Each structure stands twice: as structure tokens, then as C-alpha cells.
């Protein structure tokens, strides 16, 4: 089982939720989170405006993970300059 952790700009929230809902039966979303990464910082300040959202999705199917990654890469191309990252973790068990 895998845990996908997606970090993305809140500017593409509707698009990311739509992608995830195609392949996962549920998700957990954290809204208005701050951070710095490969793109401009998203700190919700006058100097570094904007915020991120995060999503956690548990999946048993590796193919679904690959499909979500492919769709997120397409989204990155469509919205060039918008931060979207996905981390894939091994999920030992779900209680």
C-alpha cells in the first residue's frame, strides 16, 4: 500500500481535487499551508504571497499512483510556474 503526499499551490486546488477523485476513494486535505521548495516561497505574506494545500491519499494500486503522477505532470505543464510536488511513501498499515 502507498501513501501519496501532494503539495501544491492553492491556485490549482480544483484541478488537483478532480484528478485525485478519479483514482482514490478518499483523501485528507490540509489547506493554507506555508512552505519553501523549488518554486517561490508560499508564506502568505506581502513579500511572499500565496499559500499551498497538501493532500494525503492511501492507494493499494501502483498503477493509480503512476496515473496520478502523469496527470499532475500534465497539470504542471498547463500551469507553468505553479508549484506541484508529489511524494510517495510506503504505507505499512492502515488502522
PDB file of N, CA and C in Angstrom:
ATOM      1  N   UNK A   1       0.851  -1.166   0.000  1.00  0.00           N
ATOM      2  CA  UNK A   1       0.000   0.000   0.000  1.00  0.00           C
ATOM      3  C   UNK A   1       0.898   1.231   0.000  1.00  0.00           C
ATOM      4  N   UNK A   2       0.480   2.276  -0.692  1.00  0.00           N
ATOM      5  CA  UNK A   2       1.255   3.501  -0.800  1.00  0.00           C
ATOM      6  C   UNK A   2       0.502   4.680  -0.205  1.00  0.00           C
ATOM      7  N   UNK A   3       1.276   5.659   0.289  1.00  0.00           N
ATOM      8  CA  UNK A   3       0.705   6.929   0.733  1.00  0.00           C
ATOM      9  C   UNK A   3       1.276   8.001  -0.181  1.00  0.00           C
ATOM     10  N   UNK A   4       0.405   8.665  -0.905  1.00  0.00           N
ATOM     11  CA  UNK A   4       0.813   9.798  -1.735  1.00  0.00           C
ATOM     12  C   UNK A   4       0.612  11.065  -0.919  1.00  0.00           C
ATOM     13  N   UNK A   5       1.620  11.917  -0.919  1.00  0.00           N
ATOM     14  CA  UNK A   5       1.531  13.208  -0.240  1.00  0.00           C
ATOM     15  C   UNK A   5       1.788  14.258  -1.306  1.00  0.00           C
ATOM     16  N   UNK A   6       0.753  15.012  -1.647  1.00  0.00           N
ATOM     17  CA  UNK A   6       0.845  16.003  -2.723  1.00  0.00           C
ATOM     18  C   UNK A   6       0.840  17.391  -2.099  1.00  0.00           C
ATOM     19  N   UNK A   7       1.810  18.213  -2.497  1.00  0.00           N
ATOM     20  CA  UNK A   7       1.895  19.610  -2.059  1.00  0.00           C
ATOM     21  C   UNK A   7       1.732  20.458  -3.313  1.00  0.00           C
ATOM     22  N   UNK A   8       0.799  21.425  -3.266  1.00  0.00           N
ATOM     23  CA  UNK A   8       0.507  22.188  -4.478  1.00  0.00           C
ATOM     24  C   UNK A   8      -0.024  23.578  -4.124  1.00  0.00           C
ATOM     25  N   UNK A   9       0.134  24.492  -5.058  1.00  0.00           N
ATOM     26  CA  UNK A   9      -0.373  25.846  -4.881  1.00  0.00           C
ATOM     27  C   UNK A   9      -1.896  25.822  -4.819  1.00  0.00           C
ATOM     28  N   UNK A  10      -2.450  26.637  -3.934  1.00  0.00           N
ATOM     29  CA  UNK A  10      -3.917  26.666  -3.828  1.00  0.00           C
ATOM     30  C   UNK A  10      -4.574  27.185  -5.104  1.00  0.00           C
ATOM     31  N   UNK A  11      -3.781  27.748  -6.005  1.00  0.00           N
ATOM     32  CA  UNK A  11      -4.315  28.238  -7.284  1.00  0.00           C
ATOM     33  C   UNK A  11      -4.840  27.104  -8.159  1.00  0.00           C
ATOM     34  N   UNK A  12      -4.359  25.879  -7.937  1.00  0.00           N
ATOM     35  CA  UNK A  12      -4.803  24.731  -8.745  1.00  0.00           C
ATOM     36  C   UNK A  12      -5.564  23.702  -7.905  1.00  0.00           C
ATOM     37  N   UNK A  13      -6.174  24.140  -6.818  1.00  0.00           N
ATOM     38  CA  UNK A  13      -6.869  23.221  -5.917  1.00  0.00           C
ATOM     39  C   UNK A  13      -7.969  22.436  -6.626  1.00  0.00           C
ATOM     40  N   UNK A  14      -8.826  23.105  -7.371  1.00  0.00           N
ATOM     41  CA  UNK A  14      -9.933  22.411  -8.044  1.00  0.00           C
ATOM     42  C   UNK A  14      -9.414  21.323  -8.988  1.00  0.00           C
ATOM     43  N   UNK A  15      -8.356  21.630  -9.720  1.00  0.00           N
ATOM     44  CA  UNK A  15      -7.804  20.670 -10.673  1.00  0.00           C
ATOM     45  C   UNK A  15      -7.200  19.454  -9.968  1.00  0.00           C
ATOM     46  N   UNK A  16      -6.467  19.681  -8.873  1.00  0.00           N
ATOM     47  CA  UNK A  16      -5.854  18.570  -8.151  1.00  0.00           C
ATOM     48  C   UNK A  16      -6.924  17.683  -7.514  1.00  0.00           C
ATOM     49  N   UNK A  17      -7.928  18.288  -6.903  1.00  0.00           N
ATOM     50  CA  UNK A  17      -9.015  17.503  -6.294  1.00  0.00           C
ATOM     51  C   UNK A  17      -9.705  16.654  -7.360  1.00  0.00           C
ATOM     52  N   UNK A  18      -9.935  17.212  -8.524  1.00  0.00           N
ATOM     53  CA  UNK A  18     -10.579  16.470  -9.618  1.00  0.00           C
ATOM     54  C   UNK A  18      -9.743  15.259 -10.034  1.00  0.00           C
ATOM     55  N   UNK A  19      -8.426  15.432 -10.143  1.00  0.00           N
ATOM     56  CA  UNK A  19      -7.542  14.325 -10.508  1.00  0.00           C
ATOM     57  C   UNK A  19      -7.590  13.231  -9.442  1.00  0.00           C
ATOM     58  N   UNK A  20      -7.444  13.617  -8.188  1.00  0.00           N
ATOM     59  CA  UNK A  20      -7.408  12.640  -7.095  1.00  0.00           C
ATOM     60  C   UNK A  20      -8.721  11.865  -7.007  1.00  0.00           C
ATOM     61  N   UNK A  21      -9.836  12.545  -7.165  1.00  0.00           N
ATOM     62  CA  UNK A  21     -11.141  11.877  -7.063  1.00  0.00           C
ATOM     63  C   UNK A  21     -11.353  10.822  -8.141  1.00  0.00           C
ATOM     64  N   UNK A  22     -10.643  10.931  -9.262  1.00  0.00           N
ATOM     65  CA  UNK A  22     -10.762   9.920 -10.320  1.00  0.00           C
ATOM     66  C   UNK A  22     -10.212   8.569  -9.889  1.00  0.00           C
ATOM     67  N   UNK A  23      -9.192   8.578  -9.032  1.00  0.00           N
ATOM     68  CA  UNK A  23      -8.447   7.354  -8.742  1.00  0.00           C
ATOM     69  C   UNK A  23      -8.500   6.902  -7.286  1.00  0.00           C
ATOM     70  N   UNK A  24      -8.873   7.785  -6.372  1.00  0.00           N
ATOM     71  CA  UNK A  24      -8.884   7.431  -4.953  1.00  0.00           C
ATOM     72  C   UNK A  24     -10.302   7.514  -4.402  1.00  0.00           C
ATOM     73  N   UNK A  25     -10.611   6.639  -3.452  1.00  0.00           N
ATOM     74  CA  UNK A  25     -11.942   6.663  -2.844  1.00  0.00           C
ATOM     75  C   UNK A  25     -12.044   7.737  -1.758  1.00  0.00           C
ATOM     76  N   UNK A  26     -10.910   8.229  -1.297  1.00  0.00           N
ATOM     77  CA  UNK A  26     -10.925   9.271  -0.278  1.00  0.00           C
ATOM     78  C   UNK A  26      -9.569   9.939  -0.175  1.00  0.00           C
ATOM     79  N   UNK A  27      -9.532  11.050   0.513  1.00  0.00           N
ATOM     80  CA  UNK A  27      -8.285  11.786   0.704  1.00  0.00           C
ATOM     81  C   UNK A  27      -8.415  12.659   1.950  1.00  0.00           C
ATOM     82  N   UNK A  28      -7.274  13.126   2.445  1.00  0.00           N
ATOM     83  CA  UNK A  28      -7.244  14.108   3.524  1.00  0.00           C
ATOM     84  C   UNK A  28      -6.537  15.332   2.973  1.00  0.00           C
ATOM     85  N   UNK A  29      -7.147  16.504   3.159  1.00  0.00           N
ATOM     86  CA  UNK A  29      -6.579  17.737   2.613  1.00  0.00           C
ATOM     87  C   UNK A  29      -6.279  18.720   3.738  1.00  0.00           C
ATOM     88  N   UNK A  30      -5.093  19.316   3.661  1.00  0.00           N
ATOM     89  CA  UNK A  30      -4.687  20.387   4.563  1.00  0.00           C
ATOM     90  C   UNK A  30      -4.662  21.666   3.733  1.00  0.00           C
ATOM     91  N   UNK A  31      -5.359  22.689   4.180  1.00  0.00           N
ATOM     92  CA  UNK A  31      -5.433  23.933   3.417  1.00  0.00           C
ATOM     93  C   UNK A  31      -4.590  25.020   4.049  1.00  0.00           C
ATOM     94  N   UNK A  32      -4.157  25.965   3.197  1.00  0.00           N
ATOM     95  CA  UNK A  32      -3.447  27.168   3.619  1.00  0.00           C
ATOM     96  C   UNK A  32      -2.176  26.858   4.406  1.00  0.00           C
ATOM     97  N   UNK A  33      -1.332  26.005   3.851  1.00  0.00           N
ATOM     98  CA  UNK A  33      -0.054  25.698   4.478  1.00  0.00           C
ATOM     99  C   UNK A  33       1.047  26.529   3.825  1.00  0.00           C
ATOM    100  N   UNK A  34       2.076  26.812   4.590  1.00  0.00           N
ATOM    101  CA  UNK A  34       3.193  27.617   4.110  1.00  0.00           C
ATOM    102  C   UNK A  34       4.389  26.725   3.828  1.00  0.00           C
ATOM    103  N   UNK A  35       5.262  27.179   2.935  1.00  0.00           N
ATOM    104  CA  UNK A  35       6.468  26.405   2.687  1.00  0.00           C
ATOM    105  C   UNK A  35       7.356  27.008   1.624  1.00  0.00           C
ATOM    106  N   UNK A  36       8.532  26.430   1.521  1.00  0.00           N
ATOM    107  CA  UNK A  36       9.510  26.810   0.507  1.00  0.00           C
ATOM    108  C   UNK A  36      10.007  25.542  -0.160  1.00  0.00           C
ATOM    109  N   UNK A  37      10.234  25.634  -1.454  1.00  0.00           N
ATOM    110  CA  UNK A  37      10.708  24.474  -2.201  1.00  0.00           C
ATOM    111  C   UNK A  37      11.431  24.926  -3.447  1.00  0.00           C
ATOM    112  N   UNK A  38      11.150  24.262  -4.569  1.00  0.00           N
ATOM    113  CA  UNK A  38      11.820  24.580  -5.832  1.00  0.00           C
ATOM    114  C   UNK A  38      11.294  25.853  -6.485  1.00  0.00           C
ATOM    115  N   UNK A  39      10.110  26.268  -6.109  1.00  0.00           N
ATOM    116  CA  UNK A  39       9.497  27.476  -6.679  1.00  0.00           C
ATOM    117  C   UNK A  39       9.586  28.596  -5.651  1.00  0.00           C
ATOM    118  N   UNK A  40       8.939  29.715  -5.933  1.00  0.00           N
ATOM    119  CA  UNK A  40       8.902  30.843  -4.989  1.00  0.00           C
ATOM    120  C   UNK A  40       8.269  30.401  -3.670  1.00  0.00           C
ATOM    121  N   UNK A  41       8.771  30.913  -2.547  1.00  0.00           N
ATOM    122  CA  UNK A  41       8.149  30.566  -1.259  1.00  0.00           C
ATOM    123  C   UNK A  41       6.667  30.944  -1.237  1.00  0.00           C
ATOM    124  N   UNK A  42       5.889  30.152  -0.567  1.00  0.00           N
ATOM    125  CA  UNK A  42       4.450  30.394  -0.383  1.00  0.00           C
ATOM    126  C   UNK A  42       4.243  30.606   1.113  1.00  0.00           C
ATOM    127  N   UNK A  43       4.367  31.853   1.573  1.00  0.00           N
ATOM    128  CA  UNK A  43       4.346  32.133   3.001  1.00  0.00           C
ATOM    129  C   UNK A  43       3.173  32.993   3.438  1.00  0.00           C
ATOM    130  N   UNK A  44       2.309  33.381   2.504  1.00  0.00           N
ATOM    131  CA  UNK A  44       1.125  34.161   2.855  1.00  0.00           C
ATOM    132  C   UNK A  44       1.450  35.552   3.370  1.00  0.00           C
ATOM    133  N   UNK A  45       2.590  36.121   2.951  1.00  0.00           N
ATOM    134  CA  UNK A  45       2.988  37.467   3.395  1.00  0.00           C
ATOM    135  C   UNK A  45       2.956  38.430   2.216  1.00  0.00           C
ATOM    136  N   UNK A  46       3.188  39.704   2.487  1.00  0.00           N
ATOM    137  CA  UNK A  46       3.234  40.687   1.395  1.00  0.00           C
ATOM    138  C   UNK A  46       4.415  40.423   0.469  1.00  0.00           C
ATOM    139  N   UNK A  47       5.519  39.992   1.039  1.00  0.00           N
ATOM    140  CA  UNK A  47       6.711  39.727   0.228  1.00  0.00           C
ATOM    141  C   UNK A  47       6.588  38.402  -0.514  1.00  0.00           C
ATOM    142  N   UNK A  48       6.100  37.375   0.158  1.00  0.00           N
ATOM    143  CA  UNK A  48       5.921  36.047  -0.440  1.00  0.00           C
ATOM    144  C   UNK A  48       4.453  35.639  -0.320  1.00  0.00           C
ATOM    145  N   UNK A  49       3.605  36.199  -1.192  1.00  0.00           N
ATOM    146  CA  UNK A  49       2.170  35.871  -1.105  1.00  0.00           C
ATOM    147  C   UNK A  49       1.888  34.445  -1.592  1.00  0.00           C
ATOM    148  N   UNK A  50       0.688  34.020  -1.358  1.00  0.00           N
ATOM    149  CA  UNK A  50       0.258  32.701  -1.804  1.00  0.00           C
ATOM    150  C   UNK A  50       0.443  31.658  -0.720  1.00  0.00           C
ATOM    151  N   UNK A  51      -0.377  30.641  -0.787  1.00  0.00           N
ATOM    152  CA  UNK A  51      -0.325  29.534   0.162  1.00  0.00           C
ATOM    153  C   UNK A  51      -0.448  28.222  -0.608  1.00  0.00           C
ATOM    154  N   UNK A  52      -0.080  27.149   0.026  1.00  0.00           N
ATOM    155  CA  UNK A  52      -0.192  25.818  -0.558  1.00  0.00           C
ATOM    156  C   UNK A  52      -1.306  25.038   0.111  1.00  0.00           C
ATOM    157  N   UNK A  53      -1.678  23.952  -0.516  1.00  0.00           N
ATOM    158  CA  UNK A  53      -2.525  22.930   0.078  1.00  0.00           C
ATOM    159  C   UNK A  53      -1.749  21.621   0.006  1.00  0.00           C
ATOM    160  N   UNK A  54      -2.098  20.683   0.857  1.00  0.00           N
ATOM    161  CA  UNK A  54      -1.483  19.353   0.839  1.00  0.00           C
ATOM    162  C   UNK A  54      -2.596  18.317   0.848  1.00  0.00           C
ATOM    163  N   UNK A  55      -2.310  17.167   0.258  1.00  0.00           N
ATOM    164  CA  UNK A  55      -3.251  16.058   0.258  1.00  0.00           C
ATOM    165  C   UNK A  55      -2.532  14.772   0.569  1.00  0.00           C
ATOM    166  N   UNK A  56      -3.174  13.921   1.350  1.00  0.00           N
ATOM    167  CA  UNK A  56      -2.688  12.571   1.618  1.00  0.00           C
ATOM    168  C   UNK A  56      -3.700  11.591   1.043  1.00  0.00           C
ATOM    169  N   UNK A  57      -3.195  10.619   0.280  1.00  0.00           N
ATOM    170  CA  UNK A  57      -4.058   9.621  -0.342  1.00  0.00           C
ATOM    171  C   UNK A  57      -3.425   8.255  -0.149  1.00  0.00           C
ATOM    172  N   UNK A  58      -4.171   7.304   0.394  1.00  0.00           N
ATOM    173  CA  UNK A  58      -3.698   5.928   0.536  1.00  0.00           C
ATOM    174  C   UNK A  58      -4.210   5.126  -0.653  1.00  0.00           C
ATOM    175  N   UNK A  59      -3.298   4.411  -1.329  1.00  0.00           N
ATOM    176  CA  UNK A  59      -3.661   3.621  -2.505  1.00  0.00           C
ATOM    177  C   UNK A  59      -3.029   2.242  -2.444  1.00  0.00           C
ATOM    178  N   UNK A  60      -3.762   1.249  -2.887  1.00  0.00           N
ATOM    179  CA  UNK A  60      -3.208  -0.100  -2.997  1.00  0.00           C
ATOM    180  C   UNK A  60      -2.662  -0.362  -4.394  1.00  0.00           C
ATOM    181  N   UNK A  61      -3.114   0.392  -5.359  1.00  0.00           N
ATOM    182  CA  UNK A  61      -2.806   0.113  -6.757  1.00  0.00           C
ATOM    183  C   UNK A  61      -1.662   1.005  -7.243  1.00  0.00           C
ATOM    184  N   UNK A  62      -0.502   0.396  -7.577  1.00  0.00           N
ATOM    185  CA  UNK A  62       0.647   1.162  -8.062  1.00  0.00           C
ATOM    186  C   UNK A  62       0.314   1.889  -9.366  1.00  0.00           C
ATOM    187  N   UNK A  63      -0.514   1.283 -10.185  1.00  0.00           N
ATOM    188  CA  UNK A  63      -0.864   1.903 -11.463  1.00  0.00           C
ATOM    189  C   UNK A  63      -1.582   3.242 -11.224  1.00  0.00           C
ATOM    190  N   UNK A  64      -2.442   3.294 -10.241  1.00  0.00           N
ATOM    191  CA  UNK A  64      -3.148   4.541  -9.935  1.00  0.00           C
ATOM    192  C   UNK A  64      -2.153   5.627  -9.538  1.00  0.00           C
ATOM    193  N   UNK A  65      -1.116   5.258  -8.757  1.00  0.00           N
ATOM    194  CA  UNK A  65      -0.086   6.230  -8.386  1.00  0.00           C
ATOM    195  C   UNK A  65       0.580   6.793  -9.632  1.00  0.00           C
ATOM    196  N   UNK A  66       0.921   5.915 -10.582  1.00  0.00           N
ATOM    197  CA  UNK A  66       1.580   6.352 -11.808  1.00  0.00           C
ATOM    198  C   UNK A  66       0.676   7.264 -12.628  1.00  0.00           C
ATOM    199  N   UNK A  67      -0.616   6.924 -12.685  1.00  0.00           N
ATOM    200  CA  UNK A  67      -1.566   7.729 -13.450  1.00  0.00           C
ATOM    201  C   UNK A  67      -1.719   9.117 -12.814  1.00  0.00           C
ATOM    202  N   UNK A  68      -1.818   9.162 -11.477  1.00  0.00           N
ATOM    203  CA  UNK A  68      -1.933  10.454 -10.791  1.00  0.00           C
ATOM    204  C   UNK A  68      -0.674  11.278 -11.055  1.00  0.00           C
ATOM    205  N   UNK A  69       0.500  10.667 -10.976  1.00  0.00           N
ATOM    206  CA  UNK A  69       1.755  11.383 -11.238  1.00  0.00           C
ATOM    207  C   UNK A  69       1.768  11.942 -12.655  1.00  0.00           C
ATOM    208  N   UNK A  70       1.313  11.133 -13.618  1.00  0.00           N
ATOM    209  CA  UNK A  70       1.270  11.576 -15.013  1.00  0.00           C
ATOM    210  C   UNK A  70       0.325  12.769 -15.170  1.00  0.00           C
ATOM    211  N   UNK A  71      -0.851  12.692 -14.560  1.00  0.00           N
ATOM    212  CA  UNK A  71      -1.812  13.794 -14.662  1.00  0.00           C
ATOM    213  C   UNK A  71      -1.295  15.052 -13.962  1.00  0.00           C
ATOM    214  N   UNK A  72      -0.603  14.891 -12.827  1.00  0.00           N
ATOM    215  CA  UNK A  72      -0.032  16.051 -12.145  1.00  0.00           C
ATOM    216  C   UNK A  72       1.065  16.694 -12.986  1.00  0.00           C
ATOM    217  N   UNK A  73       1.869  15.884 -13.684  1.00  0.00           N
ATOM    218  CA  UNK A  73       2.888  16.437 -14.584  1.00  0.00           C
ATOM    219  C   UNK A  73       2.250  17.219 -15.720  1.00  0.00           C
ATOM    220  N   UNK A  74       1.143  16.725 -16.245  1.00  0.00           N
ATOM    221  CA  UNK A  74       0.403  17.454 -17.282  1.00  0.00           C
ATOM    222  C   UNK A  74      -0.099  18.790 -16.736  1.00  0.00           C
ATOM    223  N   UNK A  75      -0.570  18.775 -15.497  1.00  0.00           N
ATOM    224  CA  UNK A  75      -1.044  19.991 -14.841  1.00  0.00           C
ATOM    225  C   UNK A  75       0.105  20.988 -14.660  1.00  0.00           C
ATOM    226  N   UNK A  76       1.301  20.493 -14.321  1.00  0.00           N
ATOM    227  CA  UNK A  76       2.483  21.359 -14.184  1.00  0.00           C
ATOM    228  C   UNK A  76       2.786  22.081 -15.493  1.00  0.00           C
ATOM    229  N   UNK A  77       2.648  21.366 -16.593  1.00  0.00           N
ATOM    230  CA  UNK A  77       2.904  21.959 -17.908  1.00  0.00           C
ATOM    231  C   UNK A  77       1.839  23.000 -18.231  1.00  0.00           C
ATOM    232  N   UNK A  78       0.586  22.685 -17.958  1.00  0.00           N
ATOM    233  CA  UNK A  78      -0.523  23.601 -18.234  1.00  0.00           C
ATOM    234  C   UNK A  78      -0.396  24.888 -17.424  1.00  0.00           C
ATOM    235  N   UNK A  79      -0.015  24.769 -16.156  1.00  0.00           N
ATOM    236  CA  UNK A  79       0.126  25.922 -15.268  1.00  0.00           C
ATOM    237  C   UNK A  79       1.606  26.109 -14.940  1.00  0.00           C
ATOM    238  N   UNK A  80       2.391  26.452 -15.967  1.00  0.00           N
ATOM    239  CA  UNK A  80       3.837  26.604 -15.803  1.00  0.00           C
ATOM    240  C   UNK A  80       4.138  27.626 -14.705  1.00  0.00           C
ATOM    241  N   UNK A  81       5.060  27.269 -13.816  1.00  0.00           N
ATOM    242  CA  UNK A  81       5.441  28.165 -12.739  1.00  0.00           C
ATOM    243  C   UNK A  81       4.685  27.941 -11.443  1.00  0.00           C
ATOM    244  N   UNK A  82       3.628  27.123 -11.492  1.00  0.00           N
ATOM    245  CA  UNK A  82       2.861  26.797 -10.284  1.00  0.00           C
ATOM    246  C   UNK A  82       3.492  25.562  -9.651  1.00  0.00           C
ATOM    247  N   UNK A  83       3.720  25.618  -8.352  1.00  0.00           N
ATOM    248  CA  UNK A  83       4.353  24.503  -7.661  1.00  0.00           C
ATOM    249  C   UNK A  83       3.401  23.338  -7.419  1.00  0.00           C
ATOM    250  N   UNK A  84       3.809  22.148  -7.860  1.00  0.00           N
ATOM    251  CA  UNK A  84       3.078  20.905  -7.604  1.00  0.00           C
ATOM    252  C   UNK A  84       4.124  19.814  -7.381  1.00  0.00           C
ATOM    253  N   UNK A  85       4.097  19.181  -6.211  1.00  0.00           N
ATOM    254  CA  UNK A  85       5.038  18.100  -5.913  1.00  0.00           C
ATOM    255  C   UNK A  85       4.277  16.916  -5.336  1.00  0.00           C
ATOM    256  N   UNK A  86       4.776  15.698  -5.620  1.00  0.00           N
ATOM    257  CA  UNK A  86       4.162  14.505  -5.050  1.00  0.00           C
ATOM    258  C   UNK A  86       5.260  13.631  -4.452  1.00  0.00           C
ATOM    259  N   UNK A  87       5.014  13.195  -3.229  1.00  0.00           N
ATOM    260  CA  UNK A  87       5.925  12.308  -2.526  1.00  0.00           C
ATOM    261  C   UNK A  87       5.210  10.968  -2.344  1.00  0.00           C
ATOM    262  N   UNK A  88       5.909   9.873  -2.596  1.00  0.00           N
ATOM    263  CA  UNK A  88       5.333   8.543  -2.499  1.00  0.00           C
ATOM    264  C   UNK A  88       6.020   7.817  -1.343  1.00  0.00           C
ATOM    265  N   UNK A  89       5.222   7.388  -0.360  1.00  0.00           N
ATOM    266  CA  UNK A  89       5.740   6.724   0.834  1.00  0.00           C
ATOM    267  C   UNK A  89       5.149   5.322   0.940  1.00  0.00           C
ATOM    268  N   UNK A  90       5.925   4.410   1.465  1.00  0.00           N
ATOM    269  CA  UNK A  90       5.416   3.071   1.719  1.00  0.00           C
ATOM    270  C   UNK A  90       4.524   3.135   2.959  1.00  0.00           C
ATOM    271  N   UNK A  91       3.304   2.651   2.851  1.00  0.00           N
ATOM    272  CA  UNK A  91       2.357   2.650   3.957  1.00  0.00           C
ATOM    273  C   UNK A  91       2.299   1.238   4.530  1.00  0.00           C
ATOM    274  N   UNK A  92       2.765   1.094   5.739  1.00  0.00           N
ATOM    275  CA  UNK A  92       2.857  -0.223   6.371  1.00  0.00           C
ATOM    276  C   UNK A  92       1.486  -0.804   6.663  1.00  0.00           C
ATOM    277  N   UNK A  93       0.626  -0.019   7.295  1.00  0.00           N
ATOM    278  CA  UNK A  93      -0.741  -0.473   7.559  1.00  0.00           C
ATOM    279  C   UNK A  93      -1.642   0.715   7.785  1.00  0.00           C
ATOM    280  N   UNK A  94      -2.922   0.481   7.629  1.00  0.00           N
ATOM    281  CA  UNK A  94      -3.934   1.493   7.833  1.00  0.00           C
ATOM    282  C   UNK A  94      -4.901   0.961   8.888  1.00  0.00           C
ATOM    283  N   UNK A  95      -5.098   1.692   9.948  1.00  0.00           N
ATOM    284  CA  UNK A  95      -5.970   1.237  11.028  1.00  0.00           C
ATOM    285  C   UNK A  95      -7.298   1.963  11.022  1.00  0.00           C
TER     286      UNK A  95
END
